Amino acid sequence: FPSSRFKLLKNVTDEQLAKVAIRLNGYALRW
């Protein structure tokens, strides 16, 4: 999905966007 579909992710740097992790045993993504 495009990061532009979420308010907080829309304008972050590529480096910030890349710092995503899987959380809650695979049920969520976390920055």
Full PDB file with SEQRES, HELIX, SHEET, SSBOND, CRYST1, ORIGX, SCALE, CONECT and MASTER records, all heavy atoms in Angstrom:
SEQRES   1 A   31  PHE PRO SER SER ARG PHE LYS LEU LEU LYS ASN VAL THR          
SEQRES   2 A   31  ASP GLU GLN LEU ALA LYS VAL ALA ILE ARG LEU ASN GLY          
SEQRES   3 A   31  TYR ALA LEU ARG TRP                                          
HELIX    1 AA1 SER A    3  ARG A    5  5                                   3    
HELIX    2 AA2 LYS A    7  LYS A   10  1                                   4    
HELIX    3 AA3 ASP A   14  ALA A   18  1                                   5    
HELIX    4 AA4 LEU A   24  GLY A   26  5                                   3    
SHEET    1 AA1 2 ALA A  21  ARG A  23  0                                        
SHEET    2 AA1 2 ALA A  28  ARG A  30 -1                                        
CRYST1    1.000    1.000    1.000  90.00  90.00  90.00 P 1           1          
ORIGX1      1.000000  0.000000  0.000000        0.00000                         
ORIGX2      0.000000  1.000000  0.000000        0.00000                         
ORIGX3      0.000000  0.000000  1.000000        0.00000                         
SCALE1      1.000000  0.000000  0.000000        0.00000                         
SCALE2      0.000000  1.000000  0.000000        0.00000                         
SCALE3      0.000000  0.000000  1.000000        0.00000                         
ATOM      1  N   PHE A   1       0.848  -1.188   0.000  1.00  0.00           N  
ATOM      2  CA  PHE A   1       0.000   0.000   0.000  1.00  0.00           C  
ATOM      3  C   PHE A   1       0.882   1.237   0.000  1.00  0.00           C  
ATOM      4  O   PHE A   1       1.991   1.224   0.536  1.00  0.00           O  
ATOM      5  CB  PHE A   1      -0.956  -0.004   1.202  1.00  0.00           C  
ATOM      6  CG  PHE A   1      -0.280   0.063   2.540  1.00  0.00           C  
ATOM      7  CD1 PHE A   1      -0.008   1.274   3.157  1.00  0.00           C  
ATOM      8  CD2 PHE A   1       0.087  -1.102   3.198  1.00  0.00           C  
ATOM      9  CE1 PHE A   1       0.612   1.332   4.386  1.00  0.00           C  
ATOM     10  CE2 PHE A   1       0.707  -1.067   4.431  1.00  0.00           C  
ATOM     11  CZ  PHE A   1       0.970   0.162   5.035  1.00  0.00           C  
ATOM     12  N   PRO A   2       0.405   2.331  -0.602  1.00  0.00           N  
ATOM     13  CA  PRO A   2       1.184   3.570  -0.614  1.00  0.00           C  
ATOM     14  C   PRO A   2       1.195   4.214   0.767  1.00  0.00           C  
ATOM     15  O   PRO A   2       0.155   4.300   1.435  1.00  0.00           O  
ATOM     16  CB  PRO A   2       0.461   4.461  -1.617  1.00  0.00           C  
ATOM     17  CG  PRO A   2      -0.756   3.738  -2.054  1.00  0.00           C  
ATOM     18  CD  PRO A   2      -0.822   2.429  -1.366  1.00  0.00           C  
ATOM     19  N   SER A   3       2.352   4.668   1.186  1.00  0.00           N  
ATOM     20  CA  SER A   3       2.457   5.337   2.485  1.00  0.00           C  
ATOM     21  C   SER A   3       1.602   6.596   2.526  1.00  0.00           C  
ATOM     22  O   SER A   3       1.184   7.030   3.600  1.00  0.00           O  
ATOM     23  CB  SER A   3       3.910   5.676   2.796  1.00  0.00           C  
ATOM     24  OG  SER A   3       4.453   6.530   1.810  1.00  0.00           O  
ATOM     25  N   SER A   4       1.292   7.157   1.384  1.00  0.00           N  
ATOM     26  CA  SER A   4       0.488   8.378   1.319  1.00  0.00           C  
ATOM     27  C   SER A   4      -0.963   8.162   1.752  1.00  0.00           C  
ATOM     28  O   SER A   4      -1.723   9.124   1.865  1.00  0.00           O  
ATOM     29  CB  SER A   4       0.508   8.946  -0.104  1.00  0.00           C  
ATOM     30  OG  SER A   4      -0.054   8.017  -1.015  1.00  0.00           O  
ATOM     31  N   ARG A   5      -1.364   6.930   2.039  1.00  0.00           N  
ATOM     32  CA  ARG A   5      -2.732   6.650   2.482  1.00  0.00           C  
ATOM     33  C   ARG A   5      -2.896   6.860   3.992  1.00  0.00           C  
ATOM     34  O   ARG A   5      -4.002   6.747   4.516  1.00  0.00           O  
ATOM     35  CB  ARG A   5      -3.124   5.217   2.127  1.00  0.00           C  
ATOM     36  CG  ARG A   5      -3.146   4.893   0.649  1.00  0.00           C  
ATOM     37  CD  ARG A   5      -4.155   5.670  -0.164  1.00  0.00           C  
ATOM     38  NE  ARG A   5      -5.509   5.546   0.257  1.00  0.00           N  
ATOM     39  CZ  ARG A   5      -6.388   4.650  -0.170  1.00  0.00           C  
ATOM     40  NH1 ARG A   5      -6.026   3.762  -1.065  1.00  0.00           N  
ATOM     41  NH2 ARG A   5      -7.619   4.640   0.284  1.00  0.00           N  
ATOM     42  N   PHE A   6      -1.786   7.179   4.705  1.00  0.00           N  
ATOM     43  CA  PHE A   6      -1.836   7.406   6.151  1.00  0.00           C  
ATOM     44  C   PHE A   6      -1.213   8.758   6.488  1.00  0.00           C  
ATOM     45  O   PHE A   6      -0.143   9.102   5.988  1.00  0.00           O  
ATOM     46  CB  PHE A   6      -1.113   6.284   6.906  1.00  0.00           C  
ATOM     47  CG  PHE A   6      -1.846   4.982   6.837  1.00  0.00           C  
ATOM     48  CD1 PHE A   6      -1.564   4.058   5.851  1.00  0.00           C  
ATOM     49  CD2 PHE A   6      -2.850   4.692   7.750  1.00  0.00           C  
ATOM     50  CE1 PHE A   6      -2.252   2.858   5.771  1.00  0.00           C  
ATOM     51  CE2 PHE A   6      -3.551   3.503   7.682  1.00  0.00           C  
ATOM     52  CZ  PHE A   6      -3.252   2.579   6.682  1.00  0.00           C  
ATOM     53  N   LYS A   7      -1.902   9.505   7.330  1.00  0.00           N  
ATOM     54  CA  LYS A   7      -1.489  10.868   7.677  1.00  0.00           C  
ATOM     55  C   LYS A   7      -0.045  10.955   8.149  1.00  0.00           C  
ATOM     56  O   LYS A   7       0.719  11.782   7.660  1.00  0.00           O  
ATOM     57  CB  LYS A   7      -2.413  11.441   8.759  1.00  0.00           C  
ATOM     58  CG  LYS A   7      -3.828  11.640   8.305  1.00  0.00           C  
ATOM     59  CD  LYS A   7      -4.726  12.063   9.460  1.00  0.00           C  
ATOM     60  CE  LYS A   7      -6.181  12.074   9.049  1.00  0.00           C  
ATOM     61  NZ  LYS A   7      -7.070  12.373  10.170  1.00  0.00           N  
ATOM     62  N   LEU A   8       0.331  10.137   9.117  1.00  0.00           N  
ATOM     63  CA  LEU A   8       1.688  10.220   9.675  1.00  0.00           C  
ATOM     64  C   LEU A   8       2.758   9.733   8.707  1.00  0.00           C  
ATOM     65  O   LEU A   8       3.888  10.207   8.746  1.00  0.00           O  
ATOM     66  CB  LEU A   8       1.782   9.423  10.972  1.00  0.00           C  
ATOM     67  CG  LEU A   8       1.473  10.188  12.241  1.00  0.00           C  
ATOM     68  CD1 LEU A   8       1.460   9.272  13.453  1.00  0.00           C  
ATOM     69  CD2 LEU A   8       2.461  11.316  12.464  1.00  0.00           C  
ATOM     70  N   LEU A   9       2.428   8.800   7.856  1.00  0.00           N  
ATOM     71  CA  LEU A   9       3.427   8.227   6.955  1.00  0.00           C  
ATOM     72  C   LEU A   9       3.605   9.035   5.672  1.00  0.00           C  
ATOM     73  O   LEU A   9       4.627   8.921   5.007  1.00  0.00           O  
ATOM     74  CB  LEU A   9       3.041   6.790   6.590  1.00  0.00           C  
ATOM     75  CG  LEU A   9       2.889   5.810   7.745  1.00  0.00           C  
ATOM     76  CD1 LEU A   9       2.527   4.431   7.210  1.00  0.00           C  
ATOM     77  CD2 LEU A   9       4.147   5.754   8.593  1.00  0.00           C  
ATOM     78  N   LYS A  10       2.641   9.837   5.352  1.00  0.00           N  
ATOM     79  CA  LYS A  10       2.628  10.557   4.077  1.00  0.00           C  
ATOM     80  C   LYS A  10       3.873  11.407   3.840  1.00  0.00           C  
ATOM     81  O   LYS A  10       4.431  11.403   2.747  1.00  0.00           O  
ATOM     82  CB  LYS A  10       1.374  11.432   3.992  1.00  0.00           C  
ATOM     83  CG  LYS A  10       1.228  12.150   2.671  1.00  0.00           C  
ATOM     84  CD  LYS A  10      -0.054  12.925   2.607  1.00  0.00           C  
ATOM     85  CE  LYS A  10      -0.154  13.611   1.256  1.00  0.00           C  
ATOM     86  NZ  LYS A  10      -1.423  14.288   1.078  1.00  0.00           N  
ATOM     87  N   ASN A  11       4.323  12.125   4.855  1.00  0.00           N  
ATOM     88  CA  ASN A  11       5.408  13.085   4.660  1.00  0.00           C  
ATOM     89  C   ASN A  11       6.708  12.731   5.366  1.00  0.00           C  
ATOM     90  O   ASN A  11       7.599  13.568   5.455  1.00  0.00           O  
ATOM     91  CB  ASN A  11       4.944  14.474   5.102  1.00  0.00           C  
ATOM     92  CG  ASN A  11       3.801  14.984   4.249  1.00  0.00           C  
ATOM     93  OD1 ASN A  11       3.864  14.917   3.022  1.00  0.00           O  
ATOM     94  ND2 ASN A  11       2.751  15.456   4.879  1.00  0.00           N  
ATOM     95  N   VAL A  12       6.843  11.498   5.845  1.00  0.00           N  
ATOM     96  CA  VAL A  12       8.095  11.117   6.508  1.00  0.00           C  
ATOM     97  C   VAL A  12       9.173  10.854   5.464  1.00  0.00           C  
ATOM     98  O   VAL A  12       8.886  10.661   4.281  1.00  0.00           O  
ATOM     99  CB  VAL A  12       7.903   9.870   7.416  1.00  0.00           C  
ATOM    100  CG1 VAL A  12       6.878  10.148   8.498  1.00  0.00           C  
ATOM    101  CG2 VAL A  12       7.552   8.649   6.614  1.00  0.00           C  
ATOM    102  N   THR A  13      10.417  10.829   5.915  1.00  0.00           N  
ATOM    103  CA  THR A  13      11.517  10.536   4.998  1.00  0.00           C  
ATOM    104  C   THR A  13      11.505   9.053   4.635  1.00  0.00           C  
ATOM    105  O   THR A  13      10.893   8.227   5.327  1.00  0.00           O  
ATOM    106  CB  THR A  13      12.873  10.876   5.646  1.00  0.00           C  
ATOM    107  OG1 THR A  13      13.090   9.993   6.751  1.00  0.00           O  
ATOM    108  CG2 THR A  13      12.921  12.333   6.108  1.00  0.00           C  
ATOM    109  N   ASP A  14      12.185   8.707   3.573  1.00  0.00           N  
ATOM    110  CA  ASP A  14      12.304   7.302   3.180  1.00  0.00           C  
ATOM    111  C   ASP A  14      12.964   6.483   4.290  1.00  0.00           C  
ATOM    112  O   ASP A  14      12.588   5.339   4.531  1.00  0.00           O  
ATOM    113  CB  ASP A  14      13.108   7.158   1.888  1.00  0.00           C  
ATOM    114  CG  ASP A  14      12.374   7.700   0.668  1.00  0.00           C  
ATOM    115  OD1 ASP A  14      11.141   7.898   0.745  1.00  0.00           O  
ATOM    116  OD2 ASP A  14      13.031   7.912  -0.362  1.00  0.00           O  
ATOM    117  N   GLU A  15      13.937   7.087   4.962  1.00  0.00           N  
ATOM    118  CA  GLU A  15      14.630   6.403   6.050  1.00  0.00           C  
ATOM    119  C   GLU A  15      13.680   6.122   7.219  1.00  0.00           C  
ATOM    120  O   GLU A  15      13.712   5.045   7.813  1.00  0.00           O  
ATOM    121  CB  GLU A  15      15.826   7.228   6.537  1.00  0.00           C  
ATOM    122  CG  GLU A  15      16.957   7.339   5.525  1.00  0.00           C  
ATOM    123  CD  GLU A  15      16.685   8.348   4.405  1.00  0.00           C  
ATOM    124  OE1 GLU A  15      15.836   9.260   4.571  1.00  0.00           O  
ATOM    125  OE2 GLU A  15      17.311   8.199   3.337  1.00  0.00           O  
ATOM    126  N   GLN A  16      12.844   7.081   7.562  1.00  0.00           N  
ATOM    127  CA  GLN A  16      11.862   6.880   8.633  1.00  0.00           C  
ATOM    128  C   GLN A  16      10.842   5.814   8.240  1.00  0.00           C  
ATOM    129  O   GLN A  16      10.479   4.973   9.049  1.00  0.00           O  
ATOM    130  CB  GLN A  16      11.149   8.189   8.966  1.00  0.00           C  
ATOM    131  CG  GLN A  16      12.006   9.195   9.686  1.00  0.00           C  
ATOM    132  CD  GLN A  16      11.296  10.528   9.834  1.00  0.00           C  
ATOM    133  OE1 GLN A  16      10.783  11.082   8.867  1.00  0.00           O  
ATOM    134  NE2 GLN A  16      11.269  11.030  11.059  1.00  0.00           N  
ATOM    135  N   LEU A  17      10.387   5.863   7.006  1.00  0.00           N  
ATOM    136  CA  LEU A  17       9.396   4.898   6.531  1.00  0.00           C  
ATOM    137  C   LEU A  17       9.957   3.472   6.582  1.00  0.00           C  
ATOM    138  O   LEU A  17       9.251   2.529   6.936  1.00  0.00           O  
ATOM    139  CB  LEU A  17       8.962   5.244   5.104  1.00  0.00           C  
ATOM    140  CG  LEU A  17       7.821   4.430   4.531  1.00  0.00           C  
ATOM    141  CD1 LEU A  17       6.534   4.645   5.328  1.00  0.00           C  
ATOM    142  CD2 LEU A  17       7.613   4.797   3.063  1.00  0.00           C  
ATOM    143  N   ALA A  18      11.238   3.329   6.275  1.00  0.00           N  
ATOM    144  CA  ALA A  18      11.875   2.013   6.238  1.00  0.00           C  
ATOM    145  C   ALA A  18      12.034   1.384   7.619  1.00  0.00           C  
ATOM    146  O   ALA A  18      12.268   0.183   7.730  1.00  0.00           O  
ATOM    147  CB  ALA A  18      13.225   2.110   5.550  1.00  0.00           C  
ATOM    148  N   LYS A  19      11.878   2.169   8.670  1.00  0.00           N  
ATOM    149  CA  LYS A  19      12.057   1.658  10.034  1.00  0.00           C  
ATOM    150  C   LYS A  19      10.773   1.023  10.571  1.00  0.00           C  
ATOM    151  O   LYS A  19      10.377   1.234  11.705  1.00  0.00           O  
ATOM    152  CB  LYS A  19      12.523   2.778  10.960  1.00  0.00           C  
ATOM    153  CG  LYS A  19      13.913   3.276  10.637  1.00  0.00           C  
ATOM    154  CD  LYS A  19      14.325   4.381  11.573  1.00  0.00           C  
ATOM    155  CE  LYS A  19      15.693   4.917  11.201  1.00  0.00           C  
ATOM    156  NZ  LYS A  19      16.070   6.051  12.063  1.00  0.00           N  
ATOM    157  N   VAL A  20      10.144   0.211   9.757  1.00  0.00           N  
ATOM    158  CA  VAL A  20       8.902  -0.464  10.126  1.00  0.00           C  
ATOM    159  C   VAL A  20       9.243  -1.845  10.675  1.00  0.00           C  
ATOM    160  O   VAL A  20      10.193  -2.487  10.229  1.00  0.00           O  
ATOM    161  CB  VAL A  20       7.939  -0.560   8.918  1.00  0.00           C  
ATOM    162  CG1 VAL A  20       8.568  -1.324   7.770  1.00  0.00           C  
ATOM    163  CG2 VAL A  20       6.614  -1.168   9.325  1.00  0.00           C  
ATOM    164  N   ALA A  21       8.468  -2.277  11.647  1.00  0.00           N  
ATOM    165  CA  ALA A  21       8.657  -3.596  12.258  1.00  0.00           C  
ATOM    166  C   ALA A  21       7.311  -4.283  12.435  1.00  0.00           C  
ATOM    167  O   ALA A  21       6.269  -3.631  12.511  1.00  0.00           O  
ATOM    168  CB  ALA A  21       9.339  -3.443  13.611  1.00  0.00           C  
ATOM    169  N   ILE A  22       7.365  -5.591  12.478  1.00  0.00           N  
ATOM    170  CA  ILE A  22       6.164  -6.381  12.748  1.00  0.00           C  
ATOM    171  C   ILE A  22       6.008  -6.497  14.252  1.00  0.00           C  
ATOM    172  O   ILE A  22       6.960  -6.800  14.960  1.00  0.00           O  
ATOM    173  CB  ILE A  22       6.275  -7.776  12.113  1.00  0.00           C  
ATOM    174  CG1 ILE A  22       6.374  -7.644  10.595  1.00  0.00           C  
ATOM    175  CG2 ILE A  22       5.097  -8.649  12.522  1.00  0.00           C  
ATOM    176  CD1 ILE A  22       6.691  -8.944   9.903  1.00  0.00           C  
ATOM    177  N   ARG A  23       4.802  -6.250  14.742  1.00  0.00           N  
ATOM    178  CA  ARG A  23       4.510  -6.340  16.173  1.00  0.00           C  
ATOM    179  C   ARG A  23       3.254  -7.170  16.402  1.00  0.00           C  
ATOM    180  O   ARG A  23       2.540  -7.512  15.462  1.00  0.00           O  
ATOM    181  CB  ARG A  23       4.312  -4.937  16.779  1.00  0.00           C  
ATOM    182  CG  ARG A  23       5.553  -4.091  16.780  1.00  0.00           C  
ATOM    183  CD  ARG A  23       6.560  -4.632  17.792  1.00  0.00           C  
ATOM    184  NE  ARG A  23       7.667  -3.725  17.983  1.00  0.00           N  
ATOM    185  CZ  ARG A  23       8.856  -3.862  17.416  1.00  0.00           C  
ATOM    186  NH1 ARG A  23       9.072  -4.864  16.618  1.00  0.00           N  
ATOM    187  NH2 ARG A  23       9.812  -2.995  17.641  1.00  0.00           N  
ATOM    188  N   LEU A  24       2.970  -7.446  17.652  1.00  0.00           N  
ATOM    189  CA  LEU A  24       1.777  -8.201  18.073  1.00  0.00           C  
ATOM    190  C   LEU A  24       1.647  -9.525  17.320  1.00  0.00           C  
ATOM    191  O   LEU A  24       0.581  -9.865  16.797  1.00  0.00           O  
ATOM    192  CB  LEU A  24       0.510  -7.358  17.922  1.00  0.00           C  
ATOM    193  CG  LEU A  24       0.461  -6.068  18.736  1.00  0.00           C  
ATOM    194  CD1 LEU A  24      -0.777  -5.268  18.393  1.00  0.00           C  
ATOM    195  CD2 LEU A  24       0.512  -6.389  20.216  1.00  0.00           C  
ATOM    196  N   ASN A  25       2.765 -10.246  17.245  1.00  0.00           N  
ATOM    197  CA  ASN A  25       2.780 -11.570  16.606  1.00  0.00           C  
ATOM    198  C   ASN A  25       2.291 -11.538  15.168  1.00  0.00           C  
ATOM    199  O   ASN A  25       1.630 -12.465  14.701  1.00  0.00           O  
ATOM    200  CB  ASN A  25       1.971 -12.574  17.420  1.00  0.00           C  
ATOM    201  CG  ASN A  25       2.553 -12.797  18.793  1.00  0.00           C  
ATOM    202  OD1 ASN A  25       3.763 -12.918  18.934  1.00  0.00           O  
ATOM    203  ND2 ASN A  25       1.707 -12.832  19.796  1.00  0.00           N  
ATOM    204  N   GLY A  26       2.573 -10.455  14.451  1.00  0.00           N  
ATOM    205  CA  GLY A  26       2.217 -10.355  13.038  1.00  0.00           C  
ATOM    206  C   GLY A  26       0.914  -9.648  12.750  1.00  0.00           C  
ATOM    207  O   GLY A  26       0.540  -9.479  11.596  1.00  0.00           O  
ATOM    208  N   TYR A  27       0.221  -9.198  13.790  1.00  0.00           N  
ATOM    209  CA  TYR A  27      -1.078  -8.547  13.592  1.00  0.00           C  
ATOM    210  C   TYR A  27      -0.976  -7.033  13.373  1.00  0.00           C  
ATOM    211  O   TYR A  27      -1.974  -6.397  13.050  1.00  0.00           O  
ATOM    212  CB  TYR A  27      -2.008  -8.823  14.778  1.00  0.00           C  
ATOM    213  CG  TYR A  27      -2.517 -10.239  14.802  1.00  0.00           C  
ATOM    214  CD1 TYR A  27      -1.876 -11.222  15.546  1.00  0.00           C  
ATOM    215  CD2 TYR A  27      -3.626 -10.617  14.049  1.00  0.00           C  
ATOM    216  CE1 TYR A  27      -2.326 -12.529  15.553  1.00  0.00           C  
ATOM    217  CE2 TYR A  27      -4.086 -11.922  14.044  1.00  0.00           C  
ATOM    218  CZ  TYR A  27      -3.429 -12.877  14.797  1.00  0.00           C  
ATOM    219  OH  TYR A  27      -3.876 -14.173  14.792  1.00  0.00           O  
ATOM    220  N   ALA A  28       0.214  -6.460  13.545  1.00  0.00           N  
ATOM    221  CA  ALA A  28       0.350  -5.009  13.398  1.00  0.00           C  
ATOM    222  C   ALA A  28       1.725  -4.642  12.853  1.00  0.00           C  
ATOM    223  O   ALA A  28       2.701  -5.385  13.007  1.00  0.00           O  
ATOM    224  CB  ALA A  28       0.126  -4.319  14.737  1.00  0.00           C  
ATOM    225  N   LEU A  29       1.783  -3.475  12.220  1.00  0.00           N  
ATOM    226  CA  LEU A  29       3.038  -2.870  11.798  1.00  0.00           C  
ATOM    227  C   LEU A  29       3.305  -1.695  12.725  1.00  0.00           C  
ATOM    228  O   LEU A  29       2.376  -0.984  13.108  1.00  0.00           O  
ATOM    229  CB  LEU A  29       2.939  -2.378  10.355  1.00  0.00           C  
ATOM    230  CG  LEU A  29       2.519  -3.403   9.312  1.00  0.00           C  
ATOM    231  CD1 LEU A  29       2.504  -2.758   7.932  1.00  0.00           C  
ATOM    232  CD2 LEU A  29       3.423  -4.618   9.343  1.00  0.00           C  
ATOM    233  N   ARG A  30       4.575  -1.480  13.064  1.00  0.00           N  
ATOM    234  CA  ARG A  30       4.932  -0.446  14.036  1.00  0.00           C  
ATOM    235  C   ARG A  30       6.112   0.375  13.543  1.00  0.00           C  
ATOM    236  O   ARG A  30       7.107  -0.171  13.068  1.00  0.00           O  
ATOM    237  CB  ARG A  30       5.274  -1.103  15.371  1.00  0.00           C  
ATOM    238  CG  ARG A  30       5.875  -0.202  16.410  1.00  0.00           C  
ATOM    239  CD  ARG A  30       4.842   0.595  17.106  1.00  0.00           C  
ATOM    240  NE  ARG A  30       5.465   1.460  18.121  1.00  0.00           N  
ATOM    241  CZ  ARG A  30       4.914   2.513  18.626  1.00  0.00           C  
ATOM    242  NH1 ARG A  30       3.699   2.855  18.253  1.00  0.00           N  
ATOM    243  NH2 ARG A  30       5.510   3.255  19.510  1.00  0.00           N  
ATOM    244  N   TRP A  31       5.971   1.696  13.670  1.00  0.00           N  
ATOM    245  CA  TRP A  31       7.051   2.638  13.440  1.00  0.00           C  
ATOM    246  C   TRP A  31       7.341   3.296  14.795  1.00  0.00           C  
ATOM    247  O   TRP A  31       6.644   4.250  15.188  1.00  0.00           O  
ATOM    248  CB  TRP A  31       6.655   3.704  12.416  1.00  0.00           C  
ATOM    249  CG  TRP A  31       6.617   3.220  11.002  1.00  0.00           C  
ATOM    250  CD1 TRP A  31       7.617   3.359  10.074  1.00  0.00           C  
ATOM    251  CD2 TRP A  31       5.549   2.561  10.327  1.00  0.00           C  
ATOM    252  NE1 TRP A  31       7.226   2.800   8.882  1.00  0.00           N  
ATOM    253  CE2 TRP A  31       5.944   2.301   9.007  1.00  0.00           C  
ATOM    254  CE3 TRP A  31       4.271   2.138  10.726  1.00  0.00           C  
ATOM    255  CZ2 TRP A  31       5.145   1.667   8.080  1.00  0.00           C  
ATOM    256  CZ3 TRP A  31       3.464   1.492   9.800  1.00  0.00           C  
ATOM    257  CH2 TRP A  31       3.900   1.272   8.502  1.00  0.00           C  
TER     258      TRP A  31                                                      
MASTER        0    0    0    4    2    0    0    6  257    1    0    3          
END                                                                             
